[in-house]
Amino acid sequence: MIQVRISEDALQDLNDGYLFYEAQEAGLGDYFAACLRADVEGLKISAGIHRVVYQDYHRLLSKVFPHGILHRGEVRRVWLG
């Protein structure tokens, strides 16, 4: 299985998204975090199949929220950043 590493910048983006959605409605931030966590977990299986949008960066579009996850990687590791 592929190892996924998340950069500090990407973690901050996830936290900012959580705070934004939580301010819209109580509990929505938790739902956002759970949905994006599931999308990131899916990269362990599907990394590398998504559209290349810049150099060697692929983009996975979130299934629920209007967010994209940029990732690049080797066969056994994926970096989110």
PDB file of N, CA and C in Angstrom:
ATOM      1  N   MET A   1       0.842  -1.183   0.000  1.00  0.00           N
ATOM      2  CA  MET A   1       0.000   0.000   0.000  1.00  0.00           C
ATOM      3  C   MET A   1       0.887   1.246   0.000  1.00  0.00           C
ATOM      4  N   ILE A   2       0.404   2.290  -0.583  1.00  0.00           N
ATOM      5  CA  ILE A   2       1.148   3.538  -0.711  1.00  0.00           C
ATOM      6  C   ILE A   2       1.110   4.316   0.601  1.00  0.00           C
ATOM      7  N   GLN A   3       2.242   4.878   0.971  1.00  0.00           N
ATOM      8  CA  GLN A   3       2.346   5.728   2.155  1.00  0.00           C
ATOM      9  C   GLN A   3       2.006   7.161   1.760  1.00  0.00           C
ATOM     10  N   VAL A   4       1.160   7.837   2.549  1.00  0.00           N
ATOM     11  CA  VAL A   4       0.768   9.219   2.268  1.00  0.00           C
ATOM     12  C   VAL A   4       1.370  10.121   3.334  1.00  0.00           C
ATOM     13  N   ARG A   5       2.076  11.160   2.894  1.00  0.00           N
ATOM     14  CA  ARG A   5       2.616  12.185   3.803  1.00  0.00           C
ATOM     15  C   ARG A   5       1.930  13.505   3.496  1.00  0.00           C
ATOM     16  N   ILE A   6       1.566  14.240   4.544  1.00  0.00           N
ATOM     17  CA  ILE A   6       0.869  15.508   4.377  1.00  0.00           C
ATOM     18  C   ILE A   6       1.771  16.630   4.879  1.00  0.00           C
ATOM     19  N   SER A   7       1.999  17.633   4.038  1.00  0.00           N
ATOM     20  CA  SER A   7       2.864  18.757   4.419  1.00  0.00           C
ATOM     21  C   SER A   7       2.172  19.632   5.463  1.00  0.00           C
ATOM     22  N   GLU A   8       2.962  20.452   6.138  1.00  0.00           N
ATOM     23  CA  GLU A   8       2.419  21.387   7.125  1.00  0.00           C
ATOM     24  C   GLU A   8       1.448  22.373   6.471  1.00  0.00           C
ATOM     25  N   ASP A   9       1.767  22.824   5.259  1.00  0.00           N
ATOM     26  CA  ASP A   9       0.876  23.735   4.536  1.00  0.00           C
ATOM     27  C   ASP A   9      -0.473  23.082   4.245  1.00  0.00           C
ATOM     28  N   ALA A  10      -0.436  21.819   3.834  1.00  0.00           N
ATOM     29  CA  ALA A  10      -1.684  21.111   3.545  1.00  0.00           C
ATOM     30  C   ALA A  10      -2.496  20.904   4.818  1.00  0.00           C
ATOM     31  N   LEU A  11      -1.831  20.598   5.926  1.00  0.00           N
ATOM     32  CA  LEU A  11      -2.538  20.467   7.203  1.00  0.00           C
ATOM     33  C   LEU A  11      -3.199  21.781   7.601  1.00  0.00           C
ATOM     34  N   GLN A  12      -2.503  22.889   7.359  1.00  0.00           N
ATOM     35  CA  GLN A  12      -3.081  24.200   7.671  1.00  0.00           C
ATOM     36  C   GLN A  12      -4.296  24.476   6.789  1.00  0.00           C
ATOM     37  N   ASP A  13      -4.221  24.108   5.519  1.00  0.00           N
ATOM     38  CA  ASP A  13      -5.367  24.274   4.620  1.00  0.00           C
ATOM     39  C   ASP A  13      -6.563  23.460   5.102  1.00  0.00           C
ATOM     40  N   LEU A  14      -6.312  22.235   5.549  1.00  0.00           N
ATOM     41  CA  LEU A  14      -7.394  21.396   6.079  1.00  0.00           C
ATOM     42  C   LEU A  14      -8.000  22.019   7.332  1.00  0.00           C
ATOM     43  N   ASN A  15      -7.155  22.549   8.204  1.00  0.00           N
ATOM     44  CA  ASN A  15      -7.641  23.195   9.419  1.00  0.00           C
ATOM     45  C   ASN A  15      -8.460  24.444   9.075  1.00  0.00           C
ATOM     46  N   ASP A  16      -7.975  25.232   8.127  1.00  0.00           N
ATOM     47  CA  ASP A  16      -8.717  26.427   7.703  1.00  0.00           C
ATOM     48  C   ASP A  16     -10.084  26.047   7.136  1.00  0.00           C
ATOM     49  N   GLY A  17     -10.121  24.990   6.344  1.00  0.00           N
ATOM     50  CA  GLY A  17     -11.390  24.517   5.798  1.00  0.00           C
ATOM     51  C   GLY A  17     -12.339  24.061   6.891  1.00  0.00           C
ATOM     52  N   TYR A  18     -11.794  23.343   7.864  1.00  0.00           N
ATOM     53  CA  TYR A  18     -12.610  22.912   8.999  1.00  0.00           C
ATOM     54  C   TYR A  18     -13.230  24.114   9.711  1.00  0.00           C
ATOM     55  N   LEU A  19     -12.398  25.114  10.006  1.00  0.00           N
ATOM     56  CA  LEU A  19     -12.897  26.300  10.713  1.00  0.00           C
ATOM     57  C   LEU A  19     -13.934  27.051   9.886  1.00  0.00           C
ATOM     58  N   PHE A  20     -13.715  27.158   8.575  1.00  0.00           N
ATOM     59  CA  PHE A  20     -14.674  27.835   7.707  1.00  0.00           C
ATOM     60  C   PHE A  20     -16.032  27.140   7.750  1.00  0.00           C
ATOM     61  N   TYR A  21     -16.034  25.817   7.531  1.00  0.00           N
ATOM     62  CA  TYR A  21     -17.306  25.099   7.478  1.00  0.00           C
ATOM     63  C   TYR A  21     -17.967  25.012   8.852  1.00  0.00           C
ATOM     64  N   GLU A  22     -17.187  24.937   9.896  1.00  0.00           N
ATOM     65  CA  GLU A  22     -17.757  24.901  11.246  1.00  0.00           C
ATOM     66  C   GLU A  22     -18.430  26.233  11.575  1.00  0.00           C
ATOM     67  N   ALA A  23     -17.895  27.342  11.048  1.00  0.00           N
ATOM     68  CA  ALA A  23     -18.507  28.655  11.259  1.00  0.00           C
ATOM     69  C   ALA A  23     -19.834  28.776  10.498  1.00  0.00           C
ATOM     70  N   GLN A  24     -19.990  28.004   9.416  1.00  0.00           N
ATOM     71  CA  GLN A  24     -21.235  28.045   8.645  1.00  0.00           C
ATOM     72  C   GLN A  24     -22.364  27.333   9.384  1.00  0.00           C
ATOM     73  N   GLU A  25     -22.014  26.180   9.981  1.00  0.00           N
ATOM     74  CA  GLU A  25     -23.009  25.382  10.697  1.00  0.00           C
ATOM     75  C   GLU A  25     -22.288  24.401  11.617  1.00  0.00           C
ATOM     76  N   ALA A  26     -22.758  24.302  12.842  1.00  0.00           N
ATOM     77  CA  ALA A  26     -22.138  23.395  13.817  1.00  0.00           C
ATOM     78  C   ALA A  26     -22.169  21.965  13.277  1.00  0.00           C
ATOM     79  N   GLY A  27     -21.016  21.304  13.309  1.00  0.00           N
ATOM     80  CA  GLY A  27     -20.901  19.932  12.836  1.00  0.00           C
ATOM     81  C   GLY A  27     -20.468  19.814  11.388  1.00  0.00           C
ATOM     82  N   LEU A  28     -20.619  20.881  10.604  1.00  0.00           N
ATOM     83  CA  LEU A  28     -20.234  20.819   9.197  1.00  0.00           C
ATOM     84  C   LEU A  28     -18.716  20.717   9.044  1.00  0.00           C
ATOM     85  N   GLY A  29     -17.977  21.321   9.966  1.00  0.00           N
ATOM     86  CA  GLY A  29     -16.522  21.205   9.943  1.00  0.00           C
ATOM     87  C   GLY A  29     -16.071  19.767  10.145  1.00  0.00           C
ATOM     88  N   ASP A  30     -16.749  19.059  11.048  1.00  0.00           N
ATOM     89  CA  ASP A  30     -16.427  17.642  11.270  1.00  0.00           C
ATOM     90  C   ASP A  30     -16.728  16.811  10.027  1.00  0.00           C
ATOM     91  N   TYR A  31     -17.832  17.122   9.372  1.00  0.00           N
ATOM     92  CA  TYR A  31     -18.194  16.412   8.146  1.00  0.00           C
ATOM     93  C   TYR A  31     -17.159  16.683   7.049  1.00  0.00           C
ATOM     94  N   PHE A  32     -16.732  17.941   6.924  1.00  0.00           N
ATOM     95  CA  PHE A  32     -15.679  18.306   5.967  1.00  0.00           C
ATOM     96  C   PHE A  32     -14.407  17.500   6.237  1.00  0.00           C
ATOM     97  N   ALA A  33     -13.983  17.479   7.498  1.00  0.00           N
ATOM     98  CA  ALA A  33     -12.756  16.756   7.854  1.00  0.00           C
ATOM     99  C   ALA A  33     -12.884  15.269   7.544  1.00  0.00           C
ATOM    100  N   ALA A  34     -14.032  14.680   7.843  1.00  0.00           N
ATOM    101  CA  ALA A  34     -14.231  13.255   7.583  1.00  0.00           C
ATOM    102  C   ALA A  34     -14.222  12.961   6.082  1.00  0.00           C
ATOM    103  N   CYS A  35     -14.857  13.822   5.296  1.00  0.00           N
ATOM    104  CA  CYS A  35     -14.896  13.619   3.843  1.00  0.00           C
ATOM    105  C   CYS A  35     -13.509  13.729   3.228  1.00  0.00           C
ATOM    106  N   LEU A  36     -12.757  14.752   3.625  1.00  0.00           N
ATOM    107  CA  LEU A  36     -11.418  14.901   3.060  1.00  0.00           C
ATOM    108  C   LEU A  36     -10.462  13.817   3.558  1.00  0.00           C
ATOM    109  N   ARG A  37     -10.653  13.380   4.785  1.00  0.00           N
ATOM    110  CA  ARG A  37      -9.841  12.269   5.299  1.00  0.00           C
ATOM    111  C   ARG A  37     -10.095  11.018   4.445  1.00  0.00           C
ATOM    112  N   ALA A  38     -11.349  10.766   4.099  1.00  0.00           N
ATOM    113  CA  ALA A  38     -11.676   9.617   3.250  1.00  0.00           C
ATOM    114  C   ALA A  38     -11.051   9.772   1.866  1.00  0.00           C
ATOM    115  N   ASP A  39     -11.089  10.987   1.319  1.00  0.00           N
ATOM    116  CA  ASP A  39     -10.456  11.227   0.014  1.00  0.00           C
ATOM    117  C   ASP A  39      -8.956  10.953   0.070  1.00  0.00           C
ATOM    118  N   VAL A  40      -8.306  11.421   1.128  1.00  0.00           N
ATOM    119  CA  VAL A  40      -6.866  11.205   1.287  1.00  0.00           C
ATOM    120  C   VAL A  40      -6.564   9.717   1.466  1.00  0.00           C
ATOM    121  N   GLU A  41      -7.374   9.028   2.253  1.00  0.00           N
ATOM    122  CA  GLU A  41      -7.174   7.581   2.427  1.00  0.00           C
ATOM    123  C   GLU A  41      -7.296   6.858   1.090  1.00  0.00           C
ATOM    124  N   GLY A  42      -8.191   7.325   0.233  1.00  0.00           N
ATOM    125  CA  GLY A  42      -8.359   6.723  -1.085  1.00  0.00           C
ATOM    126  C   GLY A  42      -7.113   6.828  -1.953  1.00  0.00           C
ATOM    127  N   LEU A  43      -6.272   7.817  -1.662  1.00  0.00           N
ATOM    128  CA  LEU A  43      -5.019   7.962  -2.421  1.00  0.00           C
ATOM    129  C   LEU A  43      -4.094   6.767  -2.222  1.00  0.00           C
ATOM    130  N   LYS A  44      -4.250   6.055  -1.122  1.00  0.00           N
ATOM    131  CA  LYS A  44      -3.416   4.869  -0.886  1.00  0.00           C
ATOM    132  C   LYS A  44      -3.642   3.819  -1.962  1.00  0.00           C
ATOM    133  N   ILE A  45      -4.802   3.892  -2.595  1.00  0.00           N
ATOM    134  CA  ILE A  45      -5.134   2.937  -3.647  1.00  0.00           C
ATOM    135  C   ILE A  45      -5.045   3.575  -5.033  1.00  0.00           C
ATOM    136  N   SER A  46      -5.468   4.837  -5.136  1.00  0.00           N
ATOM    137  CA  SER A  46      -5.640   5.432  -6.459  1.00  0.00           C
ATOM    138  C   SER A  46      -4.619   6.505  -6.843  1.00  0.00           C
ATOM    139  N   ALA A  47      -3.584   6.690  -6.059  1.00  0.00           N
ATOM    140  CA  ALA A  47      -2.602   7.735  -6.369  1.00  0.00           C
ATOM    141  C   ALA A  47      -1.995   7.520  -7.749  1.00  0.00           C
ATOM    142  N   GLY A  48      -1.870   8.612  -8.476  1.00  0.00           N
ATOM    143  CA  GLY A  48      -1.246   8.561  -9.791  1.00  0.00           C
ATOM    144  C   GLY A  48      -2.220   8.436 -10.945  1.00  0.00           C
ATOM    145  N   ILE A  49      -3.499   8.187 -10.666  1.00  0.00           N
ATOM    146  CA  ILE A  49      -4.462   8.034 -11.762  1.00  0.00           C
ATOM    147  C   ILE A  49      -5.175   9.337 -12.081  1.00  0.00           C
ATOM    148  N   HIS A  50      -4.988  10.342 -11.237  1.00  0.00           N
ATOM    149  CA  HIS A  50      -5.705  11.604 -11.413  1.00  0.00           C
ATOM    150  C   HIS A  50      -4.994  12.500 -12.430  1.00  0.00           C
ATOM    151  N   ARG A  51      -5.737  13.459 -12.926  1.00  0.00           N
ATOM    152  CA  ARG A  51      -5.242  14.370 -13.954  1.00  0.00           C
ATOM    153  C   ARG A  51      -4.016  15.145 -13.462  1.00  0.00           C
ATOM    154  N   VAL A  52      -3.008  15.242 -14.310  1.00  0.00           N
ATOM    155  CA  VAL A  52      -1.835  16.068 -14.021  1.00  0.00           C
ATOM    156  C   VAL A  52      -2.219  17.512 -14.349  1.00  0.00           C
ATOM    157  N   VAL A  53      -2.040  18.407 -13.356  1.00  0.00           N
ATOM    158  CA  VAL A  53      -2.430  19.800 -13.554  1.00  0.00           C
ATOM    159  C   VAL A  53      -1.238  20.746 -13.605  1.00  0.00           C
ATOM    160  N   TYR A  54      -0.080  20.299 -13.103  1.00  0.00           N
ATOM    161  CA  TYR A  54       1.118  21.132 -13.143  1.00  0.00           C
ATOM    162  C   TYR A  54       2.328  20.242 -12.919  1.00  0.00           C
ATOM    163  N   GLN A  55       3.245  20.248 -13.853  1.00  0.00           N
ATOM    164  CA  GLN A  55       4.452  19.425 -13.806  1.00  0.00           C
ATOM    165  C   GLN A  55       4.076  18.003 -13.395  1.00  0.00           C
ATOM    166  N   ASP A  56       4.521  17.547 -12.219  1.00  0.00           N
ATOM    167  CA  ASP A  56       4.180  16.176 -11.804  1.00  0.00           C
ATOM    168  C   ASP A  56       3.128  16.141 -10.697  1.00  0.00           C
ATOM    169  N   TYR A  57       2.347  17.208 -10.579  1.00  0.00           N
ATOM    170  CA  TYR A  57       1.276  17.259  -9.574  1.00  0.00           C
ATOM    171  C   TYR A  57      -0.043  16.781 -10.176  1.00  0.00           C
ATOM    172  N   HIS A  58      -0.648  15.833  -9.504  1.00  0.00           N
ATOM    173  CA  HIS A  58      -1.968  15.332  -9.867  1.00  0.00           C
ATOM    174  C   HIS A  58      -2.996  16.017  -8.974  1.00  0.00           C
ATOM    175  N   ARG A  59      -4.250  16.069  -9.452  1.00  0.00           N
ATOM    176  CA  ARG A  59      -5.305  16.669  -8.636  1.00  0.00           C
ATOM    177  C   ARG A  59      -6.467  15.703  -8.493  1.00  0.00           C
ATOM    178  N   LEU A  60      -6.792  15.422  -7.244  1.00  0.00           N
ATOM    179  CA  LEU A  60      -7.983  14.651  -6.893  1.00  0.00           C
ATOM    180  C   LEU A  60      -9.042  15.645  -6.449  1.00  0.00           C
ATOM    181  N   LEU A  61     -10.213  15.617  -7.074  1.00  0.00           N
ATOM    182  CA  LEU A  61     -11.303  16.491  -6.653  1.00  0.00           C
ATOM    183  C   LEU A  61     -12.101  15.777  -5.565  1.00  0.00           C
ATOM    184  N   SER A  62     -12.370  16.507  -4.493  1.00  0.00           N
ATOM    185  CA  SER A  62     -13.154  15.945  -3.400  1.00  0.00           C
ATOM    186  C   SER A  62     -14.529  15.541  -3.913  1.00  0.00           C
ATOM    187  N   LYS A  63     -15.037  14.455  -3.375  1.00  0.00           N
ATOM    188  CA  LYS A  63     -16.331  13.951  -3.825  1.00  0.00           C
ATOM    189  C   LYS A  63     -17.498  14.782  -3.303  1.00  0.00           C
ATOM    190  N   VAL A  64     -17.322  15.499  -2.186  1.00  0.00           N
ATOM    191  CA  VAL A  64     -18.437  16.196  -1.549  1.00  0.00           C
ATOM    192  C   VAL A  64     -18.250  17.713  -1.541  1.00  0.00           C
ATOM    193  N   PHE A  65     -17.061  18.173  -1.194  1.00  0.00           N
ATOM    194  CA  PHE A  65     -16.805  19.602  -1.048  1.00  0.00           C
ATOM    195  C   PHE A  65     -16.047  20.134  -2.258  1.00  0.00           C
ATOM    196  N   PRO A  66     -16.189  21.428  -2.549  1.00  0.00           N
ATOM    197  CA  PRO A  66     -15.501  22.002  -3.712  1.00  0.00           C
ATOM    198  C   PRO A  66     -14.022  22.273  -3.431  1.00  0.00           C
ATOM    199  N   HIS A  67     -13.269  21.194  -3.232  1.00  0.00           N
ATOM    200  CA  HIS A  67     -11.844  21.293  -2.925  1.00  0.00           C
ATOM    201  C   HIS A  67     -11.094  20.263  -3.751  1.00  0.00           C
ATOM    202  N   GLY A  68      -9.875  20.599  -4.098  1.00  0.00           N
ATOM    203  CA  GLY A  68      -9.002  19.675  -4.794  1.00  0.00           C
ATOM    204  C   GLY A  68      -7.825  19.316  -3.909  1.00  0.00           C
ATOM    205  N   ILE A  69      -7.339  18.118  -4.071  1.00  0.00           N
ATOM    206  CA  ILE A  69      -6.170  17.649  -3.326  1.00  0.00           C
ATOM    207  C   ILE A  69      -5.052  17.454  -4.344  1.00  0.00           C
ATOM    208  N   LEU A  70      -4.028  18.284  -4.240  1.00  0.00           N
ATOM    209  CA  LEU A  70      -2.869  18.149  -5.124  1.00  0.00           C
ATOM    210  C   LEU A  70      -1.895  17.162  -4.512  1.00  0.00           C
ATOM    211  N   HIS A  71      -1.400  16.259  -5.334  1.00  0.00           N
ATOM    212  CA  HIS A  71      -0.446  15.279  -4.830  1.00  0.00           C
ATOM    213  C   HIS A  71       0.544  14.913  -5.925  1.00  0.00           C
ATOM    214  N   ARG A  72       1.689  14.500  -5.486  1.00  0.00           N
ATOM    215  CA  ARG A  72       2.717  13.999  -6.389  1.00  0.00           C
ATOM    216  C   ARG A  72       3.385  12.848  -5.677  1.00  0.00           C
ATOM    217  N   GLY A  73       4.058  12.032  -6.402  1.00  0.00           N
ATOM    218  CA  GLY A  73       4.702  10.947  -5.687  1.00  0.00           C
ATOM    219  C   GLY A  73       5.375   9.924  -6.545  1.00  0.00           C
ATOM    220  N   GLU A  74       5.918   8.980  -5.843  1.00  0.00           N
ATOM    221  CA  GLU A  74       6.580   7.830  -6.431  1.00  0.00           C
ATOM    222  C   GLU A  74       5.592   6.681  -6.367  1.00  0.00           C
ATOM    223  N   VAL A  75       6.071   5.515  -6.670  1.00  0.00           N
ATOM    224  CA  VAL A  75       5.195   4.345  -6.661  1.00  0.00           C
ATOM    225  C   VAL A  75       4.721   4.007  -5.246  1.00  0.00           C
ATOM    226  N   ARG A  76       5.543   4.239  -4.229  1.00  0.00           N
ATOM    227  CA  ARG A  76       5.188   3.816  -2.880  1.00  0.00           C
ATOM    228  C   ARG A  76       4.870   4.961  -1.921  1.00  0.00           C
ATOM    229  N   ARG A  77       5.084   6.237  -2.345  1.00  0.00           N
ATOM    230  CA  ARG A  77       4.837   7.379  -1.466  1.00  0.00           C
ATOM    231  C   ARG A  77       4.101   8.478  -2.210  1.00  0.00           C
ATOM    232  N   VAL A  78       3.214   9.158  -1.495  1.00  0.00           N
ATOM    233  CA  VAL A  78       2.495  10.294  -2.056  1.00  0.00           C
ATOM    234  C   VAL A  78       2.656  11.464  -1.103  1.00  0.00           C
ATOM    235  N   TRP A  79       2.962  12.643  -1.642  1.00  0.00           N
ATOM    236  CA  TRP A  79       3.094  13.859  -0.833  1.00  0.00           C
ATOM    237  C   TRP A  79       1.949  14.784  -1.162  1.00  0.00           C
ATOM    238  N   LEU A  80       1.257  15.274  -0.152  1.00  0.00           N
ATOM    239  CA  LEU A  80       0.227  16.288  -0.327  1.00  0.00           C
ATOM    240  C   LEU A  80       0.851  17.611   0.047  1.00  0.00           C
ATOM    241  N   GLY A  81       0.624  18.617  -0.760  1.00  0.00           N
ATOM    242  CA  GLY A  81       1.250  19.884  -0.434  1.00  0.00           C
ATOM    243  C   GLY A  81       0.656  21.051  -1.101  1.00  0.00           C
TER     244      GLY A  81
END
